[in-house]
N, C-alpha and C. Protein backbone atom coordinates (compact mmCIF):
# COMPACT_ATOMS: atom_id res chain seq x y z
N MET A 1 13.93 -26.01 -4.56
CA MET A 1 13.22 -25.40 -5.66
C MET A 1 11.72 -25.44 -5.37
N THR A 2 11.05 -24.31 -5.56
CA THR A 2 9.61 -24.26 -5.30
C THR A 2 8.84 -24.50 -6.59
N THR A 3 7.66 -25.05 -6.44
CA THR A 3 6.79 -25.31 -7.57
C THR A 3 6.15 -24.00 -8.01
N PRO A 4 6.18 -23.69 -9.31
CA PRO A 4 5.55 -22.44 -9.76
C PRO A 4 4.04 -22.50 -9.55
N PRO A 5 3.42 -21.35 -9.35
CA PRO A 5 1.97 -21.33 -9.19
C PRO A 5 1.26 -21.88 -10.42
N SER A 6 0.12 -22.48 -10.19
CA SER A 6 -0.71 -22.99 -11.28
C SER A 6 -1.96 -22.13 -11.39
N ILE A 7 -2.55 -22.10 -12.57
CA ILE A 7 -3.80 -21.38 -12.79
C ILE A 7 -4.77 -22.35 -13.46
N SER A 8 -5.96 -22.45 -12.88
CA SER A 8 -6.97 -23.33 -13.45
C SER A 8 -8.35 -22.72 -13.27
N ILE A 9 -9.30 -23.25 -14.03
CA ILE A 9 -10.69 -22.83 -13.90
C ILE A 9 -11.31 -23.62 -12.76
N GLU A 10 -11.95 -22.91 -11.85
CA GLU A 10 -12.54 -23.55 -10.67
C GLU A 10 -13.88 -22.90 -10.34
N PRO A 11 -14.72 -23.58 -9.59
CA PRO A 11 -15.97 -22.96 -9.16
C PRO A 11 -15.69 -21.88 -8.10
N PRO A 12 -16.58 -20.90 -7.97
CA PRO A 12 -16.35 -19.81 -7.02
C PRO A 12 -16.40 -20.23 -5.55
N HIS A 13 -16.84 -21.46 -5.30
CA HIS A 13 -16.88 -21.95 -3.91
C HIS A 13 -15.74 -22.92 -3.62
N ALA A 14 -14.78 -23.04 -4.55
CA ALA A 14 -13.64 -23.96 -4.35
C ALA A 14 -12.81 -23.50 -3.15
N ALA A 15 -12.06 -24.42 -2.59
CA ALA A 15 -11.25 -24.13 -1.41
C ALA A 15 -10.40 -22.88 -1.63
N GLY A 16 -10.50 -21.95 -0.70
CA GLY A 16 -9.69 -20.74 -0.72
C GLY A 16 -10.28 -19.59 -1.51
N VAL A 17 -11.20 -19.85 -2.42
CA VAL A 17 -11.75 -18.78 -3.25
C VAL A 17 -12.64 -17.85 -2.42
N PRO A 18 -13.53 -18.35 -1.55
CA PRO A 18 -14.30 -17.43 -0.71
C PRO A 18 -13.40 -16.50 0.12
N ARG A 19 -12.26 -17.02 0.58
CA ARG A 19 -11.33 -16.18 1.35
C ARG A 19 -10.79 -15.06 0.47
N LEU A 20 -10.44 -15.37 -0.79
CA LEU A 20 -9.95 -14.34 -1.71
C LEU A 20 -11.05 -13.31 -1.99
N LEU A 21 -12.28 -13.77 -2.18
CA LEU A 21 -13.39 -12.84 -2.43
C LEU A 21 -13.57 -11.90 -1.24
N GLU A 22 -13.53 -12.43 -0.04
CA GLU A 22 -13.70 -11.58 1.15
C GLU A 22 -12.52 -10.63 1.31
N ALA A 23 -11.31 -11.11 1.06
CA ALA A 23 -10.13 -10.23 1.16
C ALA A 23 -10.21 -9.10 0.14
N GLY A 24 -10.65 -9.42 -1.08
CA GLY A 24 -10.82 -8.39 -2.09
C GLY A 24 -11.88 -7.37 -1.70
N SER A 25 -12.98 -7.86 -1.15
CA SER A 25 -14.04 -6.96 -0.69
C SER A 25 -13.56 -6.08 0.46
N SER A 26 -12.83 -6.66 1.39
CA SER A 26 -12.29 -5.88 2.52
C SER A 26 -11.33 -4.80 2.04
N TYR A 27 -10.49 -5.17 1.08
CA TYR A 27 -9.55 -4.20 0.50
C TYR A 27 -10.30 -3.03 -0.12
N SER A 28 -11.36 -3.34 -0.88
CA SER A 28 -12.15 -2.28 -1.52
C SER A 28 -12.90 -1.44 -0.50
N ARG A 29 -13.45 -2.06 0.53
CA ARG A 29 -14.16 -1.30 1.56
C ARG A 29 -13.21 -0.35 2.28
N ALA A 30 -11.94 -0.73 2.42
CA ALA A 30 -10.97 0.15 3.06
C ALA A 30 -10.68 1.37 2.19
N LEU A 31 -10.69 1.18 0.86
CA LEU A 31 -10.45 2.30 -0.05
C LEU A 31 -11.67 3.19 -0.21
N TYR A 32 -12.85 2.62 -0.08
CA TYR A 32 -14.10 3.33 -0.29
C TYR A 32 -15.02 3.11 0.91
N PRO A 33 -14.73 3.76 2.03
CA PRO A 33 -15.51 3.51 3.25
C PRO A 33 -17.01 3.74 3.09
N ALA A 34 -17.40 4.66 2.21
CA ALA A 34 -18.82 4.93 2.03
C ALA A 34 -19.45 4.01 0.98
N GLY A 35 -18.64 3.14 0.38
CA GLY A 35 -19.16 2.20 -0.60
C GLY A 35 -19.28 2.75 -2.00
N GLY A 36 -18.81 3.96 -2.25
CA GLY A 36 -18.97 4.61 -3.54
C GLY A 36 -18.21 3.99 -4.70
N GLY A 37 -17.29 3.09 -4.44
CA GLY A 37 -16.54 2.48 -5.53
C GLY A 37 -16.63 0.97 -5.53
N CYS A 38 -17.37 0.42 -4.60
CA CYS A 38 -17.44 -1.04 -4.47
C CYS A 38 -18.63 -1.59 -5.22
N VAL A 39 -18.40 -2.01 -6.45
CA VAL A 39 -19.41 -2.69 -7.23
C VAL A 39 -18.80 -4.06 -7.52
N GLN A 40 -19.12 -5.03 -6.68
CA GLN A 40 -18.45 -6.33 -6.78
C GLN A 40 -19.46 -7.46 -6.85
N LEU A 41 -19.13 -8.44 -7.67
CA LEU A 41 -19.95 -9.64 -7.75
C LEU A 41 -19.64 -10.54 -6.57
N ASP A 42 -20.67 -11.19 -6.04
CA ASP A 42 -20.45 -12.14 -4.95
C ASP A 42 -20.31 -13.55 -5.53
N ALA A 43 -20.06 -14.51 -4.66
CA ALA A 43 -19.83 -15.89 -5.11
C ALA A 43 -21.03 -16.44 -5.88
N ALA A 44 -22.24 -16.12 -5.44
CA ALA A 44 -23.42 -16.62 -6.14
C ALA A 44 -23.48 -16.07 -7.57
N GLU A 45 -23.13 -14.80 -7.75
CA GLU A 45 -23.13 -14.21 -9.09
C GLU A 45 -22.03 -14.81 -9.96
N LEU A 46 -20.91 -15.16 -9.34
CA LEU A 46 -19.81 -15.77 -10.07
C LEU A 46 -20.14 -17.21 -10.51
N ALA A 47 -21.19 -17.78 -9.93
CA ALA A 47 -21.61 -19.14 -10.29
C ALA A 47 -22.63 -19.15 -11.43
N HIS A 48 -23.04 -17.97 -11.91
CA HIS A 48 -24.02 -17.90 -13.00
C HIS A 48 -23.44 -18.45 -14.30
N PRO A 49 -24.31 -18.92 -15.18
CA PRO A 49 -23.85 -19.36 -16.50
C PRO A 49 -23.13 -18.22 -17.23
N GLY A 50 -22.08 -18.55 -17.94
CA GLY A 50 -21.32 -17.55 -18.67
C GLY A 50 -20.20 -16.92 -17.89
N VAL A 51 -20.05 -17.31 -16.62
CA VAL A 51 -18.97 -16.77 -15.78
C VAL A 51 -17.95 -17.87 -15.54
N THR A 52 -16.69 -17.57 -15.80
CA THR A 52 -15.59 -18.51 -15.59
C THR A 52 -14.63 -17.89 -14.59
N VAL A 53 -14.29 -18.64 -13.55
CA VAL A 53 -13.38 -18.17 -12.51
C VAL A 53 -12.04 -18.88 -12.67
N PHE A 54 -10.99 -18.10 -12.76
CA PHE A 54 -9.62 -18.62 -12.86
C PHE A 54 -8.96 -18.39 -11.51
N VAL A 55 -8.33 -19.44 -10.99
CA VAL A 55 -7.72 -19.37 -9.66
C VAL A 55 -6.24 -19.74 -9.77
N ALA A 56 -5.40 -18.90 -9.18
CA ALA A 56 -3.97 -19.20 -9.09
C ALA A 56 -3.71 -19.83 -7.73
N ARG A 57 -2.96 -20.91 -7.74
CA ARG A 57 -2.61 -21.62 -6.51
C ARG A 57 -1.11 -21.79 -6.42
N ASP A 58 -0.60 -21.66 -5.19
CA ASP A 58 0.83 -21.85 -4.99
C ASP A 58 1.17 -23.35 -4.98
N GLY A 59 2.43 -23.66 -4.82
CA GLY A 59 2.88 -25.05 -4.85
C GLY A 59 2.25 -25.93 -3.80
N ASP A 60 1.73 -25.34 -2.73
CA ASP A 60 1.06 -26.10 -1.67
C ASP A 60 -0.45 -26.21 -1.90
N GLY A 61 -0.92 -25.60 -2.99
CA GLY A 61 -2.35 -25.68 -3.30
C GLY A 61 -3.19 -24.56 -2.73
N ALA A 62 -2.58 -23.59 -2.06
CA ALA A 62 -3.34 -22.47 -1.49
C ALA A 62 -3.73 -21.49 -2.59
N ALA A 63 -4.97 -21.04 -2.55
CA ALA A 63 -5.44 -20.04 -3.51
C ALA A 63 -4.76 -18.71 -3.20
N ILE A 64 -4.06 -18.16 -4.21
CA ILE A 64 -3.32 -16.90 -3.99
C ILE A 64 -3.78 -15.79 -4.93
N GLY A 65 -4.64 -16.10 -5.87
CA GLY A 65 -5.14 -15.07 -6.77
C GLY A 65 -6.31 -15.58 -7.58
N MET A 66 -7.10 -14.64 -8.10
CA MET A 66 -8.26 -15.03 -8.89
C MET A 66 -8.67 -13.92 -9.83
N ILE A 67 -9.43 -14.29 -10.84
CA ILE A 67 -10.02 -13.36 -11.79
C ILE A 67 -11.21 -14.06 -12.42
N ALA A 68 -12.23 -13.30 -12.77
CA ALA A 68 -13.40 -13.90 -13.42
C ALA A 68 -13.59 -13.31 -14.81
N LEU A 69 -14.06 -14.13 -15.72
CA LEU A 69 -14.42 -13.72 -17.07
C LEU A 69 -15.92 -13.89 -17.20
N ILE A 70 -16.59 -12.80 -17.53
CA ILE A 70 -18.05 -12.82 -17.69
C ILE A 70 -18.36 -12.75 -19.18
N ASP A 71 -18.74 -13.87 -19.73
CA ASP A 71 -19.06 -14.00 -21.15
C ASP A 71 -20.50 -14.47 -21.25
N ASP A 72 -21.41 -13.59 -20.83
CA ASP A 72 -22.83 -13.96 -20.79
C ASP A 72 -23.68 -13.23 -21.83
N GLY A 73 -23.02 -12.53 -22.75
CA GLY A 73 -23.74 -11.81 -23.78
C GLY A 73 -24.24 -10.44 -23.37
N ALA A 74 -24.11 -10.07 -22.11
CA ALA A 74 -24.64 -8.79 -21.62
C ALA A 74 -23.95 -7.58 -22.23
N HIS A 75 -22.74 -7.76 -22.71
CA HIS A 75 -21.98 -6.63 -23.26
C HIS A 75 -21.99 -6.60 -24.78
N GLY A 76 -22.80 -7.44 -25.38
CA GLY A 76 -22.89 -7.49 -26.83
C GLY A 76 -22.00 -8.57 -27.40
N PRO A 77 -22.18 -8.87 -28.68
CA PRO A 77 -21.40 -9.94 -29.31
C PRO A 77 -19.91 -9.59 -29.35
N GLY A 78 -19.09 -10.59 -29.04
CA GLY A 78 -17.65 -10.42 -29.12
C GLY A 78 -17.04 -9.60 -28.01
N ARG A 79 -17.81 -9.33 -26.96
CA ARG A 79 -17.32 -8.50 -25.85
C ARG A 79 -17.63 -9.20 -24.53
N ALA A 80 -16.65 -9.24 -23.63
CA ALA A 80 -16.84 -9.86 -22.32
C ALA A 80 -16.18 -8.98 -21.26
N GLU A 81 -16.49 -9.27 -20.01
CA GLU A 81 -16.00 -8.45 -18.90
C GLU A 81 -15.08 -9.26 -17.98
N ILE A 82 -14.06 -8.59 -17.51
CA ILE A 82 -13.19 -9.13 -16.47
C ILE A 82 -13.69 -8.56 -15.14
N ALA A 83 -13.76 -9.40 -14.11
CA ALA A 83 -14.22 -8.94 -12.80
C ALA A 83 -13.47 -9.69 -11.70
N ARG A 84 -13.54 -9.14 -10.52
CA ARG A 84 -13.03 -9.74 -9.27
C ARG A 84 -11.56 -10.17 -9.31
N MET A 85 -10.73 -9.41 -10.00
CA MET A 85 -9.28 -9.67 -9.97
C MET A 85 -8.79 -9.35 -8.57
N PHE A 86 -8.12 -10.31 -7.98
CA PHE A 86 -7.53 -10.08 -6.66
C PHE A 86 -6.37 -11.05 -6.47
N VAL A 87 -5.28 -10.52 -5.92
CA VAL A 87 -4.12 -11.34 -5.57
C VAL A 87 -3.86 -11.14 -4.08
N ASP A 88 -3.69 -12.25 -3.38
CA ASP A 88 -3.41 -12.23 -1.95
C ASP A 88 -2.15 -11.39 -1.70
N GLU A 89 -2.19 -10.65 -0.60
CA GLU A 89 -1.07 -9.77 -0.28
C GLU A 89 0.27 -10.50 -0.27
N SER A 90 0.27 -11.75 0.17
CA SER A 90 1.52 -12.52 0.24
C SER A 90 2.10 -12.84 -1.12
N ALA A 91 1.29 -12.75 -2.18
CA ALA A 91 1.75 -13.11 -3.52
C ALA A 91 1.91 -11.90 -4.45
N ARG A 92 1.65 -10.71 -3.93
CA ARG A 92 1.78 -9.51 -4.78
C ARG A 92 3.23 -9.28 -5.15
N GLY A 93 3.42 -8.76 -6.34
CA GLY A 93 4.76 -8.48 -6.83
C GLY A 93 5.46 -9.68 -7.42
N THR A 94 4.75 -10.79 -7.57
CA THR A 94 5.36 -12.02 -8.10
C THR A 94 4.93 -12.32 -9.53
N GLY A 95 4.12 -11.44 -10.13
CA GLY A 95 3.67 -11.65 -11.49
C GLY A 95 2.37 -12.43 -11.62
N ILE A 96 1.75 -12.78 -10.51
CA ILE A 96 0.51 -13.56 -10.55
C ILE A 96 -0.60 -12.80 -11.28
N ALA A 97 -0.75 -11.51 -11.00
CA ALA A 97 -1.82 -10.74 -11.64
C ALA A 97 -1.65 -10.73 -13.15
N GLY A 98 -0.44 -10.52 -13.62
CA GLY A 98 -0.19 -10.54 -15.06
C GLY A 98 -0.46 -11.90 -15.68
N ARG A 99 -0.10 -12.95 -14.96
CA ARG A 99 -0.37 -14.31 -15.45
C ARG A 99 -1.87 -14.59 -15.51
N LEU A 100 -2.61 -14.13 -14.49
CA LEU A 100 -4.06 -14.30 -14.50
C LEU A 100 -4.68 -13.56 -15.69
N LEU A 101 -4.25 -12.31 -15.91
CA LEU A 101 -4.76 -11.55 -17.05
C LEU A 101 -4.48 -12.27 -18.37
N HIS A 102 -3.25 -12.74 -18.52
CA HIS A 102 -2.88 -13.43 -19.75
C HIS A 102 -3.72 -14.69 -19.95
N GLU A 103 -3.96 -15.41 -18.88
CA GLU A 103 -4.77 -16.64 -18.97
C GLU A 103 -6.19 -16.31 -19.43
N VAL A 104 -6.78 -15.25 -18.86
CA VAL A 104 -8.13 -14.85 -19.25
C VAL A 104 -8.15 -14.37 -20.69
N GLU A 105 -7.17 -13.57 -21.07
CA GLU A 105 -7.12 -13.07 -22.44
C GLU A 105 -6.97 -14.21 -23.45
N THR A 106 -6.14 -15.19 -23.13
CA THR A 106 -5.96 -16.34 -24.01
C THR A 106 -7.25 -17.12 -24.14
N ASP A 107 -7.91 -17.38 -23.02
CA ASP A 107 -9.18 -18.10 -23.04
C ASP A 107 -10.23 -17.32 -23.84
N ALA A 108 -10.34 -16.03 -23.57
CA ALA A 108 -11.33 -15.20 -24.24
C ALA A 108 -11.08 -15.15 -25.74
N SER A 109 -9.84 -14.98 -26.13
CA SER A 109 -9.49 -14.95 -27.55
C SER A 109 -9.88 -16.26 -28.23
N GLY A 110 -9.64 -17.37 -27.56
CA GLY A 110 -10.01 -18.68 -28.09
C GLY A 110 -11.51 -18.86 -28.25
N ARG A 111 -12.29 -18.10 -27.50
CA ARG A 111 -13.76 -18.15 -27.62
C ARG A 111 -14.28 -17.22 -28.70
N GLY A 112 -13.39 -16.45 -29.29
CA GLY A 112 -13.81 -15.49 -30.31
C GLY A 112 -14.17 -14.13 -29.75
N ILE A 113 -13.87 -13.89 -28.49
CA ILE A 113 -14.13 -12.58 -27.89
C ILE A 113 -13.12 -11.60 -28.49
N ARG A 114 -13.61 -10.46 -28.95
CA ARG A 114 -12.76 -9.47 -29.59
C ARG A 114 -12.35 -8.32 -28.67
N GLU A 115 -13.09 -8.14 -27.56
CA GLU A 115 -12.75 -7.05 -26.65
C GLU A 115 -13.11 -7.44 -25.22
N LEU A 116 -12.21 -7.10 -24.31
CA LEU A 116 -12.47 -7.27 -22.89
C LEU A 116 -12.66 -5.90 -22.26
N VAL A 117 -13.63 -5.81 -21.37
CA VAL A 117 -13.88 -4.58 -20.63
C VAL A 117 -13.78 -4.91 -19.15
N LEU A 118 -13.52 -3.88 -18.35
CA LEU A 118 -13.44 -4.08 -16.91
C LEU A 118 -13.73 -2.78 -16.19
N GLN A 119 -13.96 -2.89 -14.90
CA GLN A 119 -14.16 -1.74 -14.04
C GLN A 119 -13.23 -1.89 -12.85
N THR A 120 -12.59 -0.81 -12.50
CA THR A 120 -11.83 -0.75 -11.25
C THR A 120 -12.20 0.58 -10.60
N GLY A 121 -11.71 0.81 -9.43
CA GLY A 121 -12.06 2.04 -8.73
C GLY A 121 -11.01 3.12 -8.90
N SER A 122 -11.43 4.36 -8.73
CA SER A 122 -10.52 5.50 -8.87
C SER A 122 -9.38 5.45 -7.85
N GLN A 123 -9.58 4.78 -6.73
CA GLN A 123 -8.53 4.66 -5.71
C GLN A 123 -7.68 3.40 -5.87
N HIS A 124 -8.03 2.53 -6.78
CA HIS A 124 -7.26 1.31 -7.05
C HIS A 124 -6.11 1.62 -8.01
N LEU A 125 -5.17 2.43 -7.57
CA LEU A 125 -4.09 2.88 -8.45
C LEU A 125 -3.20 1.74 -8.93
N PRO A 126 -2.82 0.77 -8.09
CA PRO A 126 -2.03 -0.35 -8.61
C PRO A 126 -2.78 -1.14 -9.69
N ALA A 127 -4.09 -1.31 -9.53
CA ALA A 127 -4.88 -2.02 -10.54
C ALA A 127 -4.90 -1.24 -11.85
N GLN A 128 -5.10 0.06 -11.77
CA GLN A 128 -5.11 0.87 -12.98
C GLN A 128 -3.77 0.76 -13.70
N ALA A 129 -2.68 0.80 -12.94
CA ALA A 129 -1.34 0.70 -13.54
C ALA A 129 -1.14 -0.67 -14.18
N LEU A 130 -1.58 -1.72 -13.51
CA LEU A 130 -1.45 -3.07 -14.05
C LEU A 130 -2.19 -3.19 -15.38
N TYR A 131 -3.44 -2.75 -15.40
CA TYR A 131 -4.23 -2.87 -16.62
C TYR A 131 -3.62 -2.04 -17.75
N ALA A 132 -3.17 -0.82 -17.46
CA ALA A 132 -2.55 0.02 -18.48
C ALA A 132 -1.29 -0.65 -19.03
N LYS A 133 -0.51 -1.24 -18.14
CA LYS A 133 0.72 -1.94 -18.56
C LYS A 133 0.40 -3.07 -19.53
N HIS A 134 -0.76 -3.67 -19.37
CA HIS A 134 -1.15 -4.81 -20.21
C HIS A 134 -2.04 -4.40 -21.39
N GLY A 135 -2.07 -3.10 -21.71
CA GLY A 135 -2.74 -2.64 -22.91
C GLY A 135 -4.18 -2.21 -22.78
N TYR A 136 -4.69 -2.09 -21.57
CA TYR A 136 -6.07 -1.62 -21.38
C TYR A 136 -6.08 -0.10 -21.41
N ARG A 137 -7.14 0.47 -21.98
CA ARG A 137 -7.28 1.91 -22.06
C ARG A 137 -8.61 2.31 -21.43
N ARG A 138 -8.68 3.55 -20.97
CA ARG A 138 -9.92 4.03 -20.34
C ARG A 138 -11.03 4.18 -21.37
N VAL A 139 -12.23 3.81 -20.96
CA VAL A 139 -13.42 3.95 -21.79
C VAL A 139 -14.54 4.51 -20.91
N GLU A 140 -15.62 4.89 -21.55
CA GLU A 140 -16.78 5.39 -20.81
C GLU A 140 -17.36 4.28 -19.94
N PRO A 141 -17.93 4.64 -18.79
CA PRO A 141 -18.58 3.61 -17.95
C PRO A 141 -19.64 2.86 -18.74
N PHE A 142 -19.80 1.60 -18.42
CA PHE A 142 -20.76 0.74 -19.11
C PHE A 142 -21.57 -0.02 -18.08
N GLY A 143 -22.72 -0.53 -18.51
CA GLY A 143 -23.55 -1.40 -17.67
C GLY A 143 -23.80 -0.87 -16.28
N ARG A 144 -23.58 -1.72 -15.31
CA ARG A 144 -23.88 -1.39 -13.92
C ARG A 144 -22.96 -0.32 -13.34
N TYR A 145 -21.94 0.10 -14.09
CA TYR A 145 -20.99 1.09 -13.60
C TYR A 145 -21.34 2.52 -14.01
N VAL A 146 -22.33 2.68 -14.88
CA VAL A 146 -22.78 4.01 -15.28
C VAL A 146 -23.33 4.71 -14.04
N GLY A 147 -22.86 5.90 -13.79
CA GLY A 147 -23.34 6.67 -12.64
C GLY A 147 -22.64 6.37 -11.34
N VAL A 148 -21.65 5.48 -11.35
CA VAL A 148 -20.86 5.20 -10.14
C VAL A 148 -19.64 6.11 -10.21
N PRO A 149 -19.60 7.17 -9.39
CA PRO A 149 -18.56 8.19 -9.53
C PRO A 149 -17.12 7.67 -9.43
N ALA A 150 -16.88 6.67 -8.64
CA ALA A 150 -15.52 6.19 -8.44
C ALA A 150 -15.10 5.13 -9.46
N SER A 151 -15.96 4.84 -10.43
CA SER A 151 -15.64 3.81 -11.42
C SER A 151 -14.66 4.32 -12.48
N ILE A 152 -13.67 3.50 -12.75
CA ILE A 152 -12.76 3.69 -13.87
C ILE A 152 -12.98 2.45 -14.74
N CYS A 153 -13.47 2.66 -15.95
CA CYS A 153 -13.70 1.54 -16.86
C CYS A 153 -12.60 1.53 -17.92
N MET A 154 -12.19 0.33 -18.28
CA MET A 154 -11.10 0.15 -19.24
C MET A 154 -11.47 -0.96 -20.20
N ALA A 155 -10.77 -1.00 -21.34
CA ALA A 155 -11.03 -2.03 -22.35
C ALA A 155 -9.73 -2.36 -23.09
N LYS A 156 -9.73 -3.55 -23.67
CA LYS A 156 -8.59 -3.99 -24.48
C LYS A 156 -9.12 -4.79 -25.65
N SER A 157 -8.63 -4.47 -26.84
CA SER A 157 -8.97 -5.24 -28.02
C SER A 157 -8.15 -6.52 -28.03
N LEU A 158 -8.80 -7.63 -28.35
CA LEU A 158 -8.10 -8.90 -28.48
C LEU A 158 -7.91 -9.28 -29.94
N VAL A 159 -8.28 -8.39 -30.86
CA VAL A 159 -8.09 -8.66 -32.28
C VAL A 159 -6.59 -8.81 -32.52
N GLY A 160 -6.19 -9.94 -33.03
CA GLY A 160 -4.77 -10.23 -33.27
C GLY A 160 -4.05 -10.75 -32.05
N PHE A 161 -4.74 -10.88 -30.90
CA PHE A 161 -4.09 -11.38 -29.69
C PHE A 161 -3.57 -12.79 -29.92
N GLY A 162 -2.34 -13.01 -29.54
CA GLY A 162 -1.76 -14.34 -29.63
C GLY A 162 -1.16 -14.67 -30.98
N THR A 163 -1.27 -13.75 -31.94
CA THR A 163 -0.65 -14.03 -33.23
C THR A 163 0.80 -13.58 -33.18
N ASP A 164 1.63 -14.29 -33.87
CA ASP A 164 3.05 -13.96 -33.89
C ASP A 164 3.28 -12.89 -34.95
N LEU A 165 3.53 -11.67 -34.51
CA LEU A 165 3.74 -10.58 -35.44
C LEU A 165 5.14 -10.60 -36.04
N LEU A 166 6.03 -11.35 -35.47
CA LEU A 166 7.41 -11.40 -35.95
C LEU A 166 7.62 -12.65 -36.79
N ASP A 167 6.93 -12.71 -37.92
CA ASP A 167 7.14 -13.84 -38.81
C ASP A 167 8.17 -13.45 -39.86
N ASP A 168 8.25 -14.17 -40.96
CA ASP A 168 9.30 -13.90 -41.93
C ASP A 168 8.86 -12.96 -43.05
N ARG A 169 7.73 -12.28 -42.89
CA ARG A 169 7.34 -11.27 -43.89
C ARG A 169 8.21 -10.04 -43.71
N PRO A 170 8.51 -9.32 -44.79
CA PRO A 170 9.31 -8.10 -44.66
C PRO A 170 8.54 -7.03 -43.88
N LEU A 171 9.25 -6.23 -43.12
CA LEU A 171 8.64 -5.15 -42.36
C LEU A 171 8.30 -3.96 -43.25
N ALA A 172 9.04 -3.80 -44.34
CA ALA A 172 8.78 -2.70 -45.27
C ALA A 172 9.21 -3.13 -46.65
N VAL A 173 8.76 -2.41 -47.65
CA VAL A 173 9.12 -2.72 -49.03
C VAL A 173 10.64 -2.66 -49.18
N GLY A 174 11.21 -3.66 -49.82
CA GLY A 174 12.64 -3.68 -50.06
C GLY A 174 13.45 -4.40 -49.00
N GLU A 175 12.81 -4.85 -47.93
CA GLU A 175 13.56 -5.56 -46.88
C GLU A 175 13.73 -7.02 -47.24
């Protein structure tokens, strides 16, 4: 029996995280050779106040995925950004990306964040599908992504996130 992956908050320079950052950057550079869709934070930017990095590790402790939550007030009150989502090729298709998203959403909701925004590239089709599957919708480009032709920006409301909608109240009058 294998140990399930763990997810924890770690610094951007923790073991294995720089490798994930470089792999994510390499993946993006392959999709956008001219750099038209690569707007990525580096490790130094991920170490700024208001940025939280979540790292998924396998049973042996190897970093296999990551995502960052930027809650620095730059997007207005109650709004934060997801950035640098990347899952190692060896761990794709195992649900790690969905677990990372859920972990960030849970953390953000607990902080009182009402909406998460993100940017992905027009060629990042699996990422777009993942975010759509998890309730993100397309929105107008924001912040540093305005004017970047290959940017696809998305958002998700966290209002009501984590509440149990299936309680014992009737679904309709007379039930």
